[in-house]
Amino acid sequence: MDSKWWKNAVIYQIYPRSFADSNGDGIGDLQGIISKLDYLEKLGIDAVWLSPVCKSPQDDNGYDISDYQDIDPMFGTLRDMEELIEEAGKHHIRIIMDLVLNHSSDEHDWFQEAKKSRENPYHDYYVWRDGVEGVLPNNMRAAFGGSAWEWVPEVQQYYFHQFSVKQPDLNWENPKLRREIYDMINWWIGKGVGGFRLDVIDQIAKEPDKMITNNGPRLHEYLRELSQETFQKADLVTVGEAWGATTELAKLYSNPDNSELSMVFQFEHICLDQMEGKEKWDLAPLPFMKLKEVFNRWQTELHEKGWNSLFWNNHDLPRIVSRWGNDGEYRIESAKMLAILLHGMQGTPYIYQGEELGMTNVAYGIEEYRDIETVNLYKERLEKGYKEEEIMRSIHAKSRDNARTPMQWTSGENAGFTDGKPWIKINPNYREINAERQIDDENSVFRCYQQLIRFRKAYPVFADGDFRMLLMDDENIFAYTRTNEDSQLLVVCNFYDQTVRCPLEEPDASMKLLISNYKDADHTMVLRPYEARMYLKEK
């Protein structure tokens, strides 16, 4: 196996506005992150993926960038960013930037110029179509609701936006635009960043006239050029967000020849608990057998042909312990089970801030939500005649704000997040669930994640072992082995809250119990609610 550092790494995602506030304005910032580097080093992670901190009007929480080469004042200054990169390096942590290359903010200088006239040199940096006001080029919808087309009287044209109206799509067919993007990325590489997460990168080759948004015909051509002009010039990790990725496409994205990206975020497993053919808000029970099938396919089909990213949570997803665990009686056990299940697989694990504490979803009234997608959904479904109770049940389950409530540091005021008024309400359970209580508790969720990270460094089988799913037809147990020349890992997890007998043979004495979520776990194959065990046999 080649020795890419990110194959043995664990990456931690920070949502900056909700991580740590250093100046009392209620919004997390770069100096706040710097103040928590000791904590991150103690956890053991290798890199931090930072959700966008570039200058932005914050229409979509920073995913609408108005200046790619400056920092938004709410987070600090460019000097603060340089200090973060430098200080993180002293803690053996690399900083991964979140780049939004599919669209910019409508307040970016490029767009301000583009809408002045059709002859403006920046006009072709965006996707325009001729038309008549009120007669849309086609019926494409934006992901956040409404039409994907917006009229600009000055040029008598519509521009295309897949997301907010304030997020016009960039025109990757224009080589001048691509060169601007490459120069900007190389500027950041020169600042010492450790890599990039690329927002909705599978949508840069859109063809709106053909109703194509993701996986457009020129996508991989663009990605290969992007990689050659930028990423291949340094020892970076690059991960693309690709909602439409299949295993076959992922082999292109993450080809070991390094021609495109290190890996992609694919979401097949994370979209299972919704009604088929419907939106994420249309809730359905998790089909556990399908979950096993999906993980099995990605683990086996990418082995030695690509690379997996492993995650349950991010800034767009609800908290996994509330979603597929049990955030009541078995919160600690189920949070650890989900961690053990994921971290034994092949790929690079991602921990989203607070996941290592077992932070949970929230159930607020609509007035407490800040996320544009959530607020728009509420309005749209009310207008369509949905009952408010039903809408709120969907929001409580799936709102992106579940992940965006402030990090719970202490049991003190505002969970130790800020001295001011938090930009979004803090989860009321912070007195029980916080870092201060867990960091030195050997039975905490934090300690479980810390141990899993150490194992990944200590045992090569985590990175290079073959994956084999066991008990494929068992409706309660998720079990698998990872095997290389030197050792074998066995992971056995009870996914539910009933005690079950595992039909596997008891591991023999040569298999060491590496970690479990019950203190008195042994080799007997009776699994208590959410019980998880990881065994290691060294040959």
Protein backbone atom coordinates (compact mmCIF):
# COMPACT_ATOMS: atom_id res chain seq x y z
CA MET A 1 0.00 0.00 0.00
CA ASP A 2 1.33 3.45 -0.82
CA SER A 3 2.18 5.68 2.11
CA LYS A 4 -0.24 8.57 1.70
CA TRP A 5 -0.45 10.18 5.15
CA TRP A 6 -4.22 10.58 4.90
CA LYS A 7 -4.74 6.80 4.69
CA ASN A 8 -3.75 6.51 8.36
CA ALA A 9 -5.25 9.83 9.39
CA VAL A 10 -8.42 10.80 11.22
CA ILE A 11 -9.89 14.16 10.20
CA TYR A 12 -11.98 16.40 12.46
CA GLN A 13 -14.52 18.79 10.99
CA ILE A 14 -14.99 22.19 12.60
CA TYR A 15 -17.98 24.40 11.86
CA PRO A 16 -16.23 27.62 12.90
CA ARG A 17 -19.21 29.75 13.94
CA SER A 18 -20.26 27.06 16.44
CA PHE A 19 -16.91 25.83 17.78
CA ALA A 20 -15.39 28.41 20.14
CA ASP A 21 -15.90 32.18 20.45
CA SER A 22 -12.86 34.19 21.59
CA ASN A 23 -14.28 37.73 21.55
CA GLY A 24 -17.75 37.45 23.10
CA ASP A 25 -19.79 38.29 19.99
CA GLY A 26 -21.59 34.94 20.14
CA ILE A 27 -19.98 33.61 16.98
CA GLY A 28 -17.10 31.13 16.92
CA ASP A 29 -13.88 32.35 15.31
CA LEU A 30 -10.33 31.41 14.32
CA GLN A 31 -8.78 32.52 17.61
CA GLY A 32 -11.35 30.33 19.34
CA ILE A 33 -10.11 27.35 17.32
CA ILE A 34 -6.50 28.19 18.15
CA SER A 35 -7.44 28.15 21.85
CA LYS A 36 -8.71 24.56 21.50
CA LEU A 37 -5.73 23.01 19.70
CA ASP A 38 -4.58 21.30 22.91
CA TYR A 39 -7.97 19.57 23.09
CA LEU A 40 -7.73 18.43 19.47
CA GLU A 41 -4.20 17.15 19.96
CA LYS A 42 -5.35 15.21 23.03
CA LEU A 43 -8.12 13.63 20.98
CA GLY A 44 -5.41 12.57 18.53
CA ILE A 45 -6.72 13.79 15.20
CA ASP A 46 -4.35 14.54 12.30
CA ALA A 47 -6.16 17.27 10.41
CA VAL A 48 -9.00 19.75 10.77
CA TRP A 49 -11.43 20.32 7.95
CA LEU A 50 -12.61 23.86 8.42
CA SER A 51 -16.04 24.74 7.03
CA PRO A 52 -15.78 27.94 4.96
CA VAL A 53 -14.08 30.92 6.60
CA CYS A 54 -13.57 33.00 3.46
CA LYS A 55 -15.27 36.38 3.15
CA SER A 56 -19.00 35.96 2.65
CA PRO A 57 -22.35 37.72 3.11
CA GLN A 58 -23.34 34.54 5.00
CA ASP A 59 -26.53 33.92 3.05
CA ASP A 60 -25.74 30.20 3.27
CA ASN A 61 -23.42 30.18 6.29
CA GLY A 62 -20.27 30.89 4.30
CA TYR A 63 -20.97 28.59 1.36
CA ASP A 64 -21.47 31.81 -0.63
CA ILE A 65 -17.95 33.21 -1.00
CA SER A 66 -17.43 36.84 -1.99
CA ASP A 67 -13.60 36.77 -1.74
CA TYR A 68 -11.67 33.50 -1.91
CA GLN A 69 -8.45 35.15 -0.71
CA ASP A 70 -9.67 36.86 2.43
CA ILE A 71 -11.23 35.81 5.73
CA ASP A 72 -14.70 36.84 6.82
CA PRO A 73 -14.41 39.45 9.60
CA MET A 74 -16.77 37.41 11.82
CA PHE A 75 -14.02 34.76 12.03
CA GLY A 76 -11.03 37.09 12.17
CA THR A 77 -8.36 38.15 9.71
CA LEU A 78 -6.06 36.60 7.16
CA ARG A 79 -3.31 36.91 9.77
CA ASP A 80 -5.45 34.83 12.17
CA MET A 81 -5.75 32.17 9.47
CA GLU A 82 -2.01 32.13 8.95
CA GLU A 83 -1.54 31.84 12.71
CA LEU A 84 -4.01 28.92 12.86
CA ILE A 85 -2.12 27.04 10.13
CA GLU A 86 1.17 27.67 11.94
CA GLU A 87 -0.05 26.85 15.47
CA ALA A 88 -1.96 23.76 14.33
CA GLY A 89 1.28 22.52 12.75
CA LYS A 90 2.97 22.71 16.18
CA HIS A 91 0.22 20.37 17.43
CA HIS A 92 0.82 17.98 14.48
CA ILE A 93 -2.48 19.03 12.91
CA ARG A 94 -2.98 20.07 9.28
CA ILE A 95 -5.68 22.55 8.22
CA ILE A 96 -7.99 21.54 5.36
CA MET A 97 -9.91 24.38 3.74
CA ASP A 98 -13.46 24.13 2.47
CA LEU A 99 -13.62 25.54 -1.06
CA VAL A 100 -16.84 26.30 -2.89
CA LEU A 101 -15.98 26.12 -6.59
CA ASN A 102 -19.41 25.42 -8.08
CA HIS A 103 -20.74 28.89 -7.33
CA SER A 104 -19.75 32.18 -5.74
CA SER A 105 -21.68 34.81 -3.85
CA ASP A 106 -23.58 37.33 -5.95
CA GLU A 107 -21.53 39.90 -4.00
CA HIS A 108 -18.24 38.57 -5.42
CA ASP A 109 -16.46 41.17 -7.59
CA TRP A 110 -16.70 38.76 -10.54
CA PHE A 111 -20.49 38.71 -10.42
CA GLN A 112 -20.79 42.41 -9.73
CA GLU A 113 -18.89 42.95 -12.98
CA ALA A 114 -20.65 40.12 -14.82
CA LYS A 115 -24.10 41.63 -14.48
CA LYS A 116 -23.08 45.07 -15.81
CA SER A 117 -23.14 44.05 -19.46
CA ARG A 118 -22.84 41.07 -21.76
CA GLU A 119 -19.54 42.49 -23.06
CA ASN A 120 -17.95 42.63 -19.61
CA PRO A 121 -14.95 40.23 -19.45
CA TYR A 122 -16.41 38.65 -16.29
CA HIS A 123 -19.84 38.04 -17.78
CA ASP A 124 -18.83 34.61 -19.05
CA TYR A 125 -17.61 33.56 -15.58
CA TYR A 126 -21.25 32.63 -14.87
CA VAL A 127 -24.02 30.64 -16.56
CA TRP A 128 -26.48 32.86 -18.45
CA ARG A 129 -29.39 32.22 -20.79
CA ASP A 130 -31.29 34.67 -22.98
CA GLY A 131 -34.97 35.06 -22.32
CA VAL A 132 -37.89 37.27 -21.56
CA GLU A 133 -38.65 38.39 -18.04
CA GLY A 134 -41.23 36.04 -16.56
CA VAL A 135 -40.58 33.28 -19.13
CA LEU A 136 -38.02 30.95 -17.55
CA PRO A 137 -35.42 29.12 -19.72
CA ASN A 138 -36.71 25.84 -18.27
CA ASN A 139 -38.38 24.49 -15.14
CA MET A 140 -35.24 23.56 -13.18
CA ARG A 141 -35.62 24.04 -9.43
CA ALA A 142 -33.02 25.29 -6.95
CA ALA A 143 -32.07 22.98 -4.09
CA PHE A 144 -33.22 25.56 -1.53
CA GLY A 145 -36.61 26.05 -3.22
CA GLY A 146 -37.92 28.12 -6.10
CA SER A 147 -36.66 28.40 -9.67
CA ALA A 148 -32.98 27.87 -10.51
CA TRP A 149 -33.13 30.95 -12.79
CA GLU A 150 -32.99 34.62 -11.82
CA TRP A 151 -33.63 37.56 -14.15
CA VAL A 152 -31.10 40.43 -14.42
CA PRO A 153 -32.65 43.44 -16.17
CA GLU A 154 -29.27 45.07 -16.98
CA VAL A 155 -28.30 42.26 -19.35
CA GLN A 156 -31.79 40.97 -20.20
CA GLN A 157 -30.71 37.46 -19.25
CA TYR A 158 -31.27 34.83 -16.59
CA TYR A 159 -28.43 33.45 -14.51
CA PHE A 160 -28.42 29.90 -13.18
CA HIS A 161 -28.19 29.09 -9.45
CA GLN A 162 -28.50 25.57 -8.09
CA PHE A 163 -28.76 26.82 -4.51
CA SER A 164 -29.69 30.23 -3.10
CA VAL A 165 -30.49 33.07 -5.49
CA LYS A 166 -27.40 34.72 -3.96
CA GLN A 167 -25.21 31.81 -5.16
CA PRO A 168 -24.82 32.15 -8.96
CA ASP A 169 -23.20 29.11 -10.57
CA LEU A 170 -19.73 29.51 -12.04
CA ASN A 171 -19.13 28.66 -15.69
CA TRP A 172 -16.38 26.05 -15.74
CA GLU A 173 -16.45 25.96 -19.53
CA ASN A 174 -14.55 29.25 -19.43
CA PRO A 175 -10.76 28.58 -19.25
CA LYS A 176 -10.13 32.07 -17.82
CA LEU A 177 -12.37 31.27 -14.85
CA ARG A 178 -10.59 27.95 -14.32
CA ARG A 179 -7.20 29.72 -14.35
CA GLU A 180 -8.43 32.20 -11.70
CA ILE A 181 -9.50 29.27 -9.53
CA TYR A 182 -6.17 27.44 -9.94
CA ASP A 183 -4.18 30.57 -9.08
CA MET A 184 -6.29 31.06 -5.95
CA ILE A 185 -5.82 27.44 -4.83
CA ASN A 186 -2.06 27.62 -5.37
CA TRP A 187 -1.99 30.80 -3.29
CA TRP A 188 -3.56 28.87 -0.39
CA ILE A 189 -1.17 25.94 -0.91
CA GLY A 190 1.61 28.50 -0.55
CA LYS A 191 0.11 29.48 2.83
CA GLY A 192 0.70 25.92 4.04
CA VAL A 193 -2.77 24.37 4.06
CA GLY A 194 -2.90 20.58 4.24
CA GLY A 195 -5.67 20.03 1.74
CA PHE A 196 -9.12 20.96 0.51
CA ARG A 197 -12.68 19.76 0.85
CA LEU A 198 -14.53 20.67 -2.32
CA ASP A 199 -18.18 21.58 -1.90
CA VAL A 200 -20.64 19.96 -4.37
CA ILE A 201 -17.72 19.43 -6.76
CA ASP A 202 -19.72 16.92 -8.83
CA GLN A 203 -21.87 19.83 -10.06
CA ILE A 204 -19.22 21.99 -11.73
CA ALA A 205 -19.87 20.44 -15.17
CA LYS A 206 -23.58 21.19 -15.18
CA GLU A 207 -25.52 21.48 -18.45
CA PRO A 208 -28.75 23.23 -17.51
CA ASP A 209 -30.19 23.08 -21.04
CA LYS A 210 -30.13 19.30 -20.71
CA MET A 211 -31.33 19.41 -17.08
CA ILE A 212 -27.94 18.02 -15.95
CA THR A 213 -26.58 19.24 -12.64
CA ASN A 214 -24.23 16.58 -11.27
CA ASN A 215 -21.88 14.21 -13.11
CA GLY A 216 -21.88 16.30 -16.28
CA PRO A 217 -19.95 14.99 -19.31
CA ARG A 218 -16.83 17.12 -18.69
CA LEU A 219 -16.63 16.61 -14.91
CA HIS A 220 -13.63 14.29 -14.80
CA GLU A 221 -11.81 16.28 -17.48
CA TYR A 222 -12.16 19.37 -15.24
CA LEU A 223 -11.08 17.47 -12.13
CA ARG A 224 -7.97 16.06 -13.80
CA GLU A 225 -6.95 19.53 -14.97
CA LEU A 226 -7.67 20.98 -11.52
CA SER A 227 -5.53 18.32 -9.85
CA GLN A 228 -2.66 18.69 -12.30
CA GLU A 229 -2.60 22.49 -11.96
CA THR A 230 -2.88 22.56 -8.17
CA PHE A 231 -3.18 19.52 -5.87
CA GLN A 232 -0.35 17.49 -7.34
CA LYS A 233 2.10 20.24 -6.45
CA ALA A 234 2.02 19.40 -2.72
CA ASP A 235 1.37 16.54 -0.29
CA LEU A 236 -2.33 17.28 0.19
CA VAL A 237 -5.55 15.49 1.02
CA THR A 238 -8.46 16.36 -1.27
CA VAL A 239 -12.02 15.24 -0.74
CA GLY A 240 -14.93 16.04 -3.02
CA GLU A 241 -18.55 16.27 -1.93
CA ALA A 242 -20.41 14.11 -4.46
CA TRP A 243 -24.03 13.33 -3.58
CA GLY A 244 -24.49 11.46 -6.83
CA ALA A 245 -21.37 9.27 -6.62
CA THR A 246 -21.54 5.54 -7.29
CA THR A 247 -18.72 3.09 -6.58
CA GLU A 248 -17.77 3.20 -10.27
CA LEU A 249 -17.60 7.00 -10.27
CA ALA A 250 -15.72 6.95 -6.96
CA LYS A 251 -12.99 4.85 -8.59
CA LEU A 252 -12.47 7.73 -11.04
CA TYR A 253 -12.53 10.41 -8.34
CA SER A 254 -10.17 8.53 -6.00
CA ASN A 255 -8.02 6.65 -8.50
CA PRO A 256 -4.76 5.66 -6.76
CA ASP A 257 -2.85 7.29 -9.66
CA ASN A 258 -3.67 10.62 -7.95
CA SER A 259 -5.11 12.08 -11.17
CA GLU A 260 -8.21 13.56 -9.49
CA LEU A 261 -8.88 13.55 -5.72
CA SER A 262 -7.88 11.56 -2.63
CA MET A 263 -11.50 10.52 -1.96
CA VAL A 264 -15.11 11.64 -2.15
CA PHE A 265 -17.88 12.06 0.35
CA GLN A 266 -20.63 9.84 -0.97
CA PHE A 267 -24.01 9.83 0.73
CA GLU A 268 -25.66 6.57 -0.27
CA HIS A 269 -25.68 5.23 3.29
CA ILE A 270 -26.82 8.52 4.76
CA CYS A 271 -29.90 8.85 2.50
CA LEU A 272 -31.48 5.54 3.49
CA ASP A 273 -33.94 6.80 6.12
CA GLN A 274 -36.22 8.69 3.77
CA MET A 275 -39.13 7.59 1.63
CA GLU A 276 -37.95 6.27 -1.72
CA GLY A 277 -37.99 8.91 -4.42
CA LYS A 278 -38.85 11.63 -1.90
CA GLU A 279 -36.96 14.37 -0.06
CA LYS A 280 -34.88 13.92 3.08
CA TRP A 281 -37.75 15.43 5.09
CA ASP A 282 -40.03 12.51 4.18
CA LEU A 283 -38.98 10.24 7.02
CA ALA A 284 -38.77 6.47 6.91
CA PRO A 285 -37.23 3.88 9.27
CA LEU A 286 -33.62 2.95 8.56
CA PRO A 287 -33.54 -0.25 6.43
CA PHE A 288 -30.75 -1.95 8.35
CA MET A 289 -30.15 -4.72 5.82
CA LYS A 290 -29.76 -2.11 3.09
CA LEU A 291 -27.28 -0.21 5.27
CA LYS A 292 -25.14 -3.34 5.48
CA GLU A 293 -25.40 -3.92 1.75
CA VAL A 294 -24.31 -0.34 0.98
CA PHE A 295 -21.31 -0.42 3.32
CA ASN A 296 -20.30 -3.85 2.04
CA ARG A 297 -20.39 -2.66 -1.57
CA TRP A 298 -18.33 0.49 -0.95
CA GLN A 299 -15.78 -1.38 1.19
CA THR A 300 -15.23 -4.23 -1.25
CA GLU A 301 -15.51 -2.43 -4.59
CA LEU A 302 -13.10 0.39 -3.72
CA HIS A 303 -10.48 -1.89 -2.14
CA GLU A 304 -7.16 -1.17 -3.90
CA LYS A 305 -9.06 0.74 -6.62
CA GLY A 306 -10.01 3.89 -4.74
CA TRP A 307 -10.46 5.20 -1.23
CA ASN A 308 -13.42 5.62 1.12
CA SER A 309 -14.27 8.50 3.40
CA LEU A 310 -15.98 7.23 6.57
CA PHE A 311 -18.51 9.46 8.28
CA TRP A 312 -21.83 9.57 10.09
CA ASN A 313 -22.05 13.33 10.67
CA ASN A 314 -21.22 16.67 9.12
CA HIS A 315 -22.53 20.25 9.12
CA ASP A 316 -25.42 19.22 6.84
CA LEU A 317 -26.54 16.12 8.72
CA PRO A 318 -28.38 15.42 11.97
CA ARG A 319 -26.52 13.96 14.95
CA ILE A 320 -26.00 10.24 14.43
CA VAL A 321 -26.69 9.21 18.04
CA SER A 322 -30.17 10.75 17.73
CA ARG A 323 -30.66 9.46 14.22
CA TRP A 324 -29.61 5.80 14.29
CA GLY A 325 -28.56 5.38 17.90
CA ASN A 326 -30.50 6.04 21.08
CA ASP A 327 -30.03 9.50 22.59
CA GLY A 328 -31.95 8.56 25.75
CA GLU A 329 -31.22 5.57 27.97
CA TYR A 330 -28.41 4.20 25.79
CA ARG A 331 -26.84 7.42 24.51
CA ILE A 332 -23.29 6.55 25.62
CA GLU A 333 -23.48 2.90 24.51
CA SER A 334 -25.00 3.65 21.12
CA ALA A 335 -22.66 6.59 20.42
CA LYS A 336 -19.68 4.30 21.07
CA MET A 337 -21.20 1.46 19.02
CA LEU A 338 -21.59 3.72 16.00
CA ALA A 339 -18.00 4.92 16.42
CA ILE A 340 -16.55 1.40 16.70
CA LEU A 341 -18.60 0.17 13.73
CA LEU A 342 -17.34 2.98 11.46
CA HIS A 343 -13.72 3.32 12.57
CA GLY A 344 -12.86 -0.32 11.93
CA MET A 345 -13.57 0.04 8.21
CA GLN A 346 -11.20 0.94 5.39
CA GLY A 347 -11.05 4.63 4.57
CA THR A 348 -10.34 7.93 6.25
CA PRO A 349 -12.67 8.57 9.23
CA TYR A 350 -14.16 12.03 9.75
CA ILE A 351 -15.32 13.16 13.19
CA TYR A 352 -17.71 16.12 13.24
CA GLN A 353 -17.30 18.48 16.21
CA GLY A 354 -19.19 17.16 19.24
CA GLU A 355 -19.61 13.69 17.75
CA GLU A 356 -16.77 12.59 20.03
CA LEU A 357 -18.93 13.70 22.98
CA GLY A 358 -22.14 12.06 21.77
CA MET A 359 -23.86 15.40 21.18
CA THR A 360 -27.54 15.07 20.20
CA ASN A 361 -30.21 16.62 18.00
CA VAL A 362 -32.39 19.47 19.26
CA ALA A 363 -36.14 20.06 19.14
CA TYR A 364 -36.68 23.82 18.91
CA GLY A 365 -39.64 25.92 17.85
CA ILE A 366 -39.31 27.24 14.29
CA GLU A 367 -38.27 30.71 15.56
CA GLU A 368 -35.00 29.25 16.92
CA TYR A 369 -33.80 27.85 13.57
CA ARG A 370 -31.26 29.79 11.49
CA ASP A 371 -30.67 27.46 8.53
CA ILE A 372 -32.02 28.82 5.22
CA GLU A 373 -33.00 25.33 4.01
CA THR A 374 -34.99 24.62 7.20
CA VAL A 375 -36.80 27.96 7.20
CA ASN A 376 -37.70 27.66 3.49
CA LEU A 377 -38.93 24.09 3.99
CA TYR A 378 -41.21 25.21 6.82
CA LYS A 379 -42.79 27.95 4.69
CA GLU A 380 -43.15 25.79 1.58
CA ARG A 381 -44.77 22.87 3.36
CA LEU A 382 -47.17 25.10 5.29
CA GLU A 383 -48.27 26.58 1.95
CA LYS A 384 -48.74 23.08 0.54
CA GLY A 385 -51.08 22.18 3.40
CA TYR A 386 -48.82 19.98 5.54
CA LYS A 387 -49.70 19.97 9.23
CA GLU A 388 -47.29 22.03 11.34
CA GLU A 389 -46.75 19.09 13.70
CA GLU A 390 -45.64 16.92 10.77
CA ILE A 391 -43.32 19.61 9.42
CA MET A 392 -41.69 20.11 12.82
CA ARG A 393 -41.20 16.35 13.24
CA SER A 394 -39.21 16.36 9.99
CA ILE A 395 -37.22 19.44 11.05
CA HIS A 396 -36.41 17.95 14.47
CA ALA A 397 -35.14 14.82 12.72
CA LYS A 398 -33.26 16.26 9.76
CA SER A 399 -32.57 20.01 10.09
CA ARG A 400 -28.99 21.01 9.39
CA ASP A 401 -29.12 23.12 12.57
CA ASN A 402 -29.00 19.89 14.59
CA ALA A 403 -25.30 19.86 13.74
CA ARG A 404 -24.81 23.59 14.10
CA THR A 405 -25.69 24.18 17.75
CA PRO A 406 -22.59 25.37 19.65
CA MET A 407 -19.91 22.96 20.82
CA GLN A 408 -20.52 21.91 24.43
CA TRP A 409 -17.27 22.58 26.29
CA THR A 410 -18.37 22.92 29.92
CA SER A 411 -21.41 22.82 32.17
CA GLY A 412 -21.00 26.57 32.78
CA GLU A 413 -22.85 29.45 31.17
CA ASN A 414 -23.43 29.02 27.40
CA ALA A 415 -21.62 25.66 27.59
CA GLY A 416 -18.30 27.52 27.67
CA PHE A 417 -18.80 28.43 24.00
CA THR A 418 -19.11 32.20 24.41
CA ASP A 419 -19.26 35.03 26.95
CA GLY A 420 -21.90 36.72 24.78
CA LYS A 421 -25.25 35.71 23.33
CA PRO A 422 -24.80 32.63 21.08
CA TRP A 423 -25.76 33.12 17.43
CA ILE A 424 -27.99 30.06 17.74
CA LYS A 425 -29.52 28.51 20.83
CA ILE A 426 -27.34 25.99 22.69
CA ASN A 427 -28.64 22.46 23.21
CA PRO A 428 -30.15 22.48 26.74
CA ASN A 429 -28.46 19.16 27.61
CA TYR A 430 -24.98 20.75 27.73
CA ARG A 431 -24.77 20.38 31.52
CA GLU A 432 -24.72 16.59 31.13
CA ILE A 433 -22.95 16.37 27.77
CA ASN A 434 -19.75 18.40 27.57
CA ALA A 435 -16.02 18.01 27.00
CA GLU A 436 -15.03 18.99 30.55
CA ARG A 437 -16.91 16.01 31.98
CA GLN A 438 -15.60 13.51 29.47
CA ILE A 439 -11.98 14.29 28.79
CA ASP A 440 -10.61 12.45 31.85
CA ASP A 441 -13.41 9.88 32.18
CA GLU A 442 -12.14 6.51 30.97
CA ASN A 443 -15.71 5.38 30.18
CA SER A 444 -16.67 8.48 28.15
CA VAL A 445 -17.55 8.71 24.48
CA PHE A 446 -14.51 11.00 24.09
CA ARG A 447 -12.20 8.30 25.42
CA CYS A 448 -13.68 5.77 22.99
CA TYR A 449 -12.91 8.01 20.01
CA GLN A 450 -9.43 8.73 21.39
CA GLN A 451 -8.69 5.00 21.58
CA LEU A 452 -10.03 4.31 18.07
CA ILE A 453 -7.75 7.03 16.67
CA ARG A 454 -4.74 5.46 18.44
CA PHE A 455 -5.54 2.02 17.05
CA ARG A 456 -5.59 3.37 13.50
CA LYS A 457 -2.02 4.62 14.01
CA ALA A 458 -0.84 1.44 15.74
CA TYR A 459 -2.21 -1.31 13.49
CA PRO A 460 -1.73 -1.24 9.69
CA VAL A 461 -4.73 -3.57 9.21
CA PHE A 462 -7.03 -0.54 9.75
CA ALA A 463 -5.69 1.04 6.58
CA ASP A 464 -4.89 -1.91 4.33
CA GLY A 465 -6.89 -4.94 5.49
CA ASP A 466 -9.38 -6.71 3.21
CA PHE A 467 -13.01 -6.20 4.31
CA ARG A 468 -15.39 -9.14 4.69
CA MET A 469 -18.96 -8.68 5.91
CA LEU A 470 -20.24 -11.39 8.26
CA LEU A 471 -23.85 -12.31 9.11
CA MET A 472 -25.15 -10.46 6.06
CA ASP A 473 -28.71 -11.65 6.75
CA ASP A 474 -28.77 -10.93 10.49
CA GLU A 475 -31.37 -8.28 11.27
CA ASN A 476 -29.68 -6.98 14.44
CA ILE A 477 -25.93 -7.45 14.14
CA PHE A 478 -23.37 -5.60 12.04
CA ALA A 479 -20.18 -7.69 11.97
CA TYR A 480 -17.12 -7.80 9.75
CA THR A 481 -13.46 -8.73 9.58
CA ARG A 482 -10.46 -6.81 8.24
CA THR A 483 -7.48 -8.98 7.32
CA ASN A 484 -3.93 -8.34 6.12
CA GLU A 485 -0.72 -10.40 6.17
CA ASP A 486 -0.01 -9.64 9.83
CA SER A 487 -3.33 -9.49 11.62
CA GLN A 488 -7.08 -9.79 11.63
CA LEU A 489 -9.64 -7.42 13.09
CA LEU A 490 -13.10 -8.62 14.09
CA VAL A 491 -15.83 -6.04 14.73
CA VAL A 492 -19.19 -7.15 16.15
CA CYS A 493 -21.99 -4.64 16.85
CA ASN A 494 -25.55 -5.01 18.10
CA PHE A 495 -27.30 -2.17 16.27
CA TYR A 496 -30.42 -2.18 18.48
CA ASP A 497 -31.65 -1.96 22.07
CA GLN A 498 -32.49 -5.65 22.67
CA THR A 499 -30.06 -8.27 23.96
CA VAL A 500 -29.29 -10.76 21.18
CA ARG A 501 -27.21 -13.91 20.77
CA CYS A 502 -24.58 -13.57 18.06
CA PRO A 503 -24.36 -16.72 15.89
CA LEU A 504 -20.60 -16.34 15.40
CA GLU A 505 -18.26 -18.69 17.21
CA GLU A 506 -16.65 -17.23 20.30
CA PRO A 507 -13.30 -15.64 19.41
CA ASP A 508 -10.47 -17.85 20.63
CA ALA A 509 -7.89 -16.83 23.21
CA SER A 510 -5.54 -15.52 20.51
CA MET A 511 -7.99 -12.71 19.76
CA LYS A 512 -7.43 -9.75 22.04
CA LEU A 513 -10.41 -7.53 22.92
CA LEU A 514 -9.17 -4.12 21.75
CA ILE A 515 -12.19 -2.05 22.73
CA SER A 516 -15.81 -2.41 23.79
CA ASN A 517 -18.55 -0.09 24.95
CA TYR A 518 -19.30 -2.21 28.04
CA LYS A 519 -16.69 -2.39 30.81
CA ASP A 520 -17.14 -6.12 31.46
CA ALA A 521 -17.19 -7.31 27.83
CA ASP A 522 -15.61 -10.69 27.15
CA HIS A 523 -15.57 -13.37 24.45
CA THR A 524 -19.09 -14.74 25.01
CA MET A 525 -21.33 -14.05 22.06
CA VAL A 526 -24.34 -12.56 23.86
CA LEU A 527 -24.61 -8.88 22.93
CA ARG A 528 -26.39 -6.41 25.20
CA PRO A 529 -28.24 -3.34 23.86
CA TYR A 530 -25.97 -1.54 21.37
CA GLU A 531 -22.99 -3.62 22.49
CA ALA A 532 -19.94 -3.29 20.27
CA ARG A 533 -16.63 -5.11 20.40
CA MET A 534 -13.45 -4.98 18.39
CA TYR A 535 -10.99 -7.88 18.59
CA LEU A 536 -7.49 -8.14 17.16
CA LYS A 537 -5.52 -11.26 16.31
CA GLU A 538 -1.89 -10.74 15.35
CA LYS A 539 -0.45 -13.55 13.24
